[in-house]
Amino acid sequence: MSNTAIPTDLSISGMSCGHCVAAVREALEGIDGVEVRNVAVGRASLTREPSVTADVLVEAIRDAGYDAEVADARAD
């Protein structure tokens, strides 16, 4: 991860168990330029390269079957 990596927190709905956590973690880890710090029911924290937009993160989580939105002001 470069020095320009952007810390990002996501709010995720539809998660209820460890399987959900694993599915979201896998979806986020599959994106080049993303380093997952933590995933728990209802949230995820990560750092991302500037080339990875918040929309890419949200779309990956939606593709995994959950809904998400950026929970902090540092996102684009």
N, C-alpha and C. Protein backbone atom coordinates (compact mmCIF):
# COMPACT_ATOMS: atom_id res chain seq x y z
N MET A 1 0.85 -1.16 0.00
CA MET A 1 0.00 0.00 0.00
C MET A 1 0.90 1.24 0.00
N SER A 2 0.54 2.19 -0.79
CA SER A 2 1.36 3.39 -0.90
C SER A 2 1.04 4.39 0.21
N ASN A 3 1.85 5.43 0.28
CA ASN A 3 1.63 6.49 1.26
C ASN A 3 0.37 7.29 0.96
N THR A 4 -0.17 7.15 -0.24
CA THR A 4 -1.38 7.88 -0.61
C THR A 4 -2.64 7.06 -0.39
N ALA A 5 -2.51 5.90 0.25
CA ALA A 5 -3.67 5.05 0.51
C ALA A 5 -4.70 5.81 1.33
N ILE A 6 -5.97 5.57 1.04
CA ILE A 6 -7.07 6.28 1.67
C ILE A 6 -7.78 5.36 2.66
N PRO A 7 -7.79 5.72 3.95
CA PRO A 7 -8.56 4.93 4.92
C PRO A 7 -10.05 5.10 4.63
N THR A 8 -10.78 4.01 4.64
CA THR A 8 -12.21 4.06 4.33
C THR A 8 -12.97 3.12 5.24
N ASP A 9 -14.09 3.62 5.78
CA ASP A 9 -14.99 2.81 6.59
C ASP A 9 -16.31 2.68 5.84
N LEU A 10 -16.84 1.46 5.85
CA LEU A 10 -18.10 1.19 5.17
C LEU A 10 -19.13 0.70 6.16
N SER A 11 -20.37 1.11 5.95
CA SER A 11 -21.52 0.60 6.69
C SER A 11 -22.19 -0.42 5.78
N ILE A 12 -22.45 -1.62 6.29
CA ILE A 12 -22.97 -2.69 5.45
C ILE A 12 -24.24 -3.25 6.07
N SER A 13 -25.29 -3.35 5.28
CA SER A 13 -26.54 -3.91 5.78
C SER A 13 -26.78 -5.28 5.17
N GLY A 14 -27.52 -6.09 5.90
CA GLY A 14 -27.85 -7.44 5.43
C GLY A 14 -26.94 -8.51 6.00
N MET A 15 -25.94 -8.14 6.77
CA MET A 15 -25.02 -9.11 7.38
C MET A 15 -25.58 -9.56 8.73
N SER A 16 -25.42 -10.86 9.03
CA SER A 16 -25.94 -11.33 10.32
C SER A 16 -25.08 -12.41 10.98
N CYS A 17 -24.01 -12.85 10.30
CA CYS A 17 -23.25 -13.98 10.86
C CYS A 17 -21.81 -14.00 10.34
N GLY A 18 -21.07 -14.97 10.81
CA GLY A 18 -19.69 -15.13 10.39
C GLY A 18 -19.55 -15.42 8.90
N HIS A 19 -20.51 -16.14 8.34
CA HIS A 19 -20.48 -16.41 6.90
C HIS A 19 -20.57 -15.10 6.12
N CYS A 20 -21.43 -14.20 6.59
CA CYS A 20 -21.56 -12.89 5.95
C CYS A 20 -20.24 -12.12 6.01
N VAL A 21 -19.62 -12.14 7.17
CA VAL A 21 -18.33 -11.46 7.35
C VAL A 21 -17.31 -12.02 6.36
N ALA A 22 -17.25 -13.34 6.26
CA ALA A 22 -16.30 -13.98 5.34
C ALA A 22 -16.58 -13.61 3.89
N ALA A 23 -17.86 -13.56 3.51
CA ALA A 23 -18.22 -13.22 2.13
C ALA A 23 -17.83 -11.79 1.80
N VAL A 24 -18.05 -10.86 2.72
CA VAL A 24 -17.69 -9.46 2.47
C VAL A 24 -16.17 -9.31 2.44
N ARG A 25 -15.48 -9.96 3.36
CA ARG A 25 -14.01 -9.89 3.37
C ARG A 25 -13.46 -10.41 2.04
N GLU A 26 -13.96 -11.54 1.57
CA GLU A 26 -13.50 -12.11 0.31
C GLU A 26 -13.77 -11.17 -0.86
N ALA A 27 -14.94 -10.54 -0.87
CA ALA A 27 -15.28 -9.61 -1.95
C ALA A 27 -14.32 -8.43 -1.97
N LEU A 28 -14.02 -7.88 -0.79
CA LEU A 28 -13.12 -6.73 -0.73
C LEU A 28 -11.68 -7.11 -1.02
N GLU A 29 -11.24 -8.26 -0.53
CA GLU A 29 -9.86 -8.69 -0.77
C GLU A 29 -9.62 -9.03 -2.24
N GLY A 30 -10.68 -9.24 -2.99
CA GLY A 30 -10.55 -9.53 -4.41
C GLY A 30 -10.31 -8.31 -5.27
N ILE A 31 -10.30 -7.14 -4.66
CA ILE A 31 -10.10 -5.89 -5.41
C ILE A 31 -8.62 -5.48 -5.29
N ASP A 32 -7.95 -5.38 -6.42
CA ASP A 32 -6.56 -4.90 -6.42
C ASP A 32 -6.52 -3.49 -5.88
N GLY A 33 -5.56 -3.22 -4.99
CA GLY A 33 -5.40 -1.89 -4.43
C GLY A 33 -6.17 -1.68 -3.14
N VAL A 34 -6.73 -2.77 -2.58
CA VAL A 34 -7.47 -2.69 -1.32
C VAL A 34 -6.77 -3.56 -0.28
N GLU A 35 -6.60 -3.00 0.91
CA GLU A 35 -6.08 -3.76 2.04
C GLU A 35 -7.13 -3.72 3.15
N VAL A 36 -7.73 -4.87 3.41
CA VAL A 36 -8.79 -4.95 4.41
C VAL A 36 -8.17 -4.94 5.80
N ARG A 37 -8.64 -4.05 6.66
CA ARG A 37 -8.16 -4.00 8.04
C ARG A 37 -9.07 -4.79 8.96
N ASN A 38 -10.40 -4.64 8.79
CA ASN A 38 -11.33 -5.32 9.68
C ASN A 38 -12.69 -5.43 9.00
N VAL A 39 -13.33 -6.58 9.18
CA VAL A 39 -14.71 -6.76 8.75
C VAL A 39 -15.46 -7.37 9.92
N ALA A 40 -16.59 -6.79 10.26
CA ALA A 40 -17.47 -7.30 11.31
C ALA A 40 -18.90 -7.15 10.81
N VAL A 41 -19.83 -7.77 11.48
CA VAL A 41 -21.23 -7.64 11.08
C VAL A 41 -21.60 -6.16 11.04
N GLY A 42 -21.99 -5.70 9.87
CA GLY A 42 -22.45 -4.32 9.71
C GLY A 42 -21.40 -3.30 9.33
N ARG A 43 -20.12 -3.71 9.26
CA ARG A 43 -19.11 -2.69 8.94
C ARG A 43 -17.83 -3.31 8.40
N ALA A 44 -17.06 -2.47 7.73
CA ALA A 44 -15.74 -2.88 7.25
C ALA A 44 -14.83 -1.65 7.27
N SER A 45 -13.57 -1.88 7.58
CA SER A 45 -12.54 -0.84 7.55
C SER A 45 -11.42 -1.32 6.65
N LEU A 46 -10.93 -0.42 5.82
CA LEU A 46 -9.90 -0.79 4.86
C LEU A 46 -9.11 0.42 4.45
N THR A 47 -8.04 0.19 3.73
CA THR A 47 -7.34 1.25 3.03
C THR A 47 -7.36 0.90 1.56
N ARG A 48 -7.38 1.93 0.73
CA ARG A 48 -7.46 1.71 -0.72
C ARG A 48 -6.59 2.70 -1.44
N GLU A 49 -6.09 2.27 -2.56
CA GLU A 49 -5.34 3.16 -3.43
C GLU A 49 -6.32 4.17 -4.03
N PRO A 50 -5.85 5.37 -4.36
CA PRO A 50 -6.74 6.39 -4.94
C PRO A 50 -7.45 5.93 -6.21
N SER A 51 -6.86 4.99 -6.92
CA SER A 51 -7.49 4.50 -8.16
C SER A 51 -8.73 3.65 -7.89
N VAL A 52 -8.91 3.21 -6.66
CA VAL A 52 -10.07 2.40 -6.29
C VAL A 52 -11.11 3.34 -5.69
N THR A 53 -12.20 3.54 -6.41
CA THR A 53 -13.23 4.46 -5.93
C THR A 53 -14.15 3.77 -4.92
N ALA A 54 -14.85 4.58 -4.15
CA ALA A 54 -15.83 4.05 -3.21
C ALA A 54 -16.91 3.26 -3.94
N ASP A 55 -17.26 3.68 -5.15
CA ASP A 55 -18.27 2.96 -5.93
C ASP A 55 -17.83 1.53 -6.22
N VAL A 56 -16.55 1.32 -6.46
CA VAL A 56 -16.03 -0.03 -6.71
C VAL A 56 -16.22 -0.90 -5.47
N LEU A 57 -15.96 -0.34 -4.31
CA LEU A 57 -16.12 -1.08 -3.05
C LEU A 57 -17.58 -1.46 -2.84
N VAL A 58 -18.47 -0.49 -3.01
CA VAL A 58 -19.90 -0.72 -2.80
C VAL A 58 -20.42 -1.77 -3.78
N GLU A 59 -19.99 -1.68 -5.03
CA GLU A 59 -20.44 -2.64 -6.04
C GLU A 59 -19.97 -4.06 -5.70
N ALA A 60 -18.75 -4.21 -5.23
CA ALA A 60 -18.25 -5.54 -4.86
C ALA A 60 -19.07 -6.14 -3.72
N ILE A 61 -19.43 -5.31 -2.76
CA ILE A 61 -20.24 -5.79 -1.64
C ILE A 61 -21.65 -6.13 -2.10
N ARG A 62 -22.20 -5.32 -2.98
CA ARG A 62 -23.53 -5.62 -3.52
C ARG A 62 -23.51 -6.92 -4.32
N ASP A 63 -22.43 -7.14 -5.08
CA ASP A 63 -22.30 -8.39 -5.83
C ASP A 63 -22.24 -9.60 -4.90
N ALA A 64 -21.77 -9.39 -3.66
CA ALA A 64 -21.71 -10.47 -2.67
C ALA A 64 -23.05 -10.68 -1.98
N GLY A 65 -24.02 -9.80 -2.24
CA GLY A 65 -25.36 -9.98 -1.70
C GLY A 65 -25.75 -9.07 -0.56
N TYR A 66 -24.99 -8.00 -0.34
CA TYR A 66 -25.25 -7.08 0.77
C TYR A 66 -25.32 -5.66 0.23
N ASP A 67 -25.77 -4.74 1.05
CA ASP A 67 -25.80 -3.34 0.64
C ASP A 67 -24.78 -2.59 1.47
N ALA A 68 -24.21 -1.56 0.90
CA ALA A 68 -23.14 -0.82 1.60
C ALA A 68 -23.17 0.65 1.23
N GLU A 69 -22.63 1.44 2.15
CA GLU A 69 -22.40 2.85 1.86
C GLU A 69 -21.16 3.27 2.63
N VAL A 70 -20.52 4.31 2.15
CA VAL A 70 -19.34 4.84 2.81
C VAL A 70 -19.77 5.52 4.09
N ALA A 71 -19.08 5.23 5.17
CA ALA A 71 -19.47 5.74 6.49
C ALA A 71 -18.56 6.86 6.98
N ASP A 72 -17.64 7.33 6.15
CA ASP A 72 -16.76 8.41 6.59
C ASP A 72 -16.61 9.48 5.52
N ALA A 73 -16.06 10.61 5.90
CA ALA A 73 -15.96 11.75 5.01
C ALA A 73 -14.73 11.71 4.10
N ARG A 74 -13.88 10.72 4.27
CA ARG A 74 -12.65 10.67 3.47
C ARG A 74 -12.88 10.05 2.11
N ALA A 75 -14.06 9.53 1.88
CA ALA A 75 -14.34 8.82 0.62
C ALA A 75 -14.65 9.80 -0.50
N ASP A 76 -14.58 9.28 -1.71
CA ASP A 76 -14.90 10.12 -2.86
C ASP A 76 -16.32 9.90 -3.31
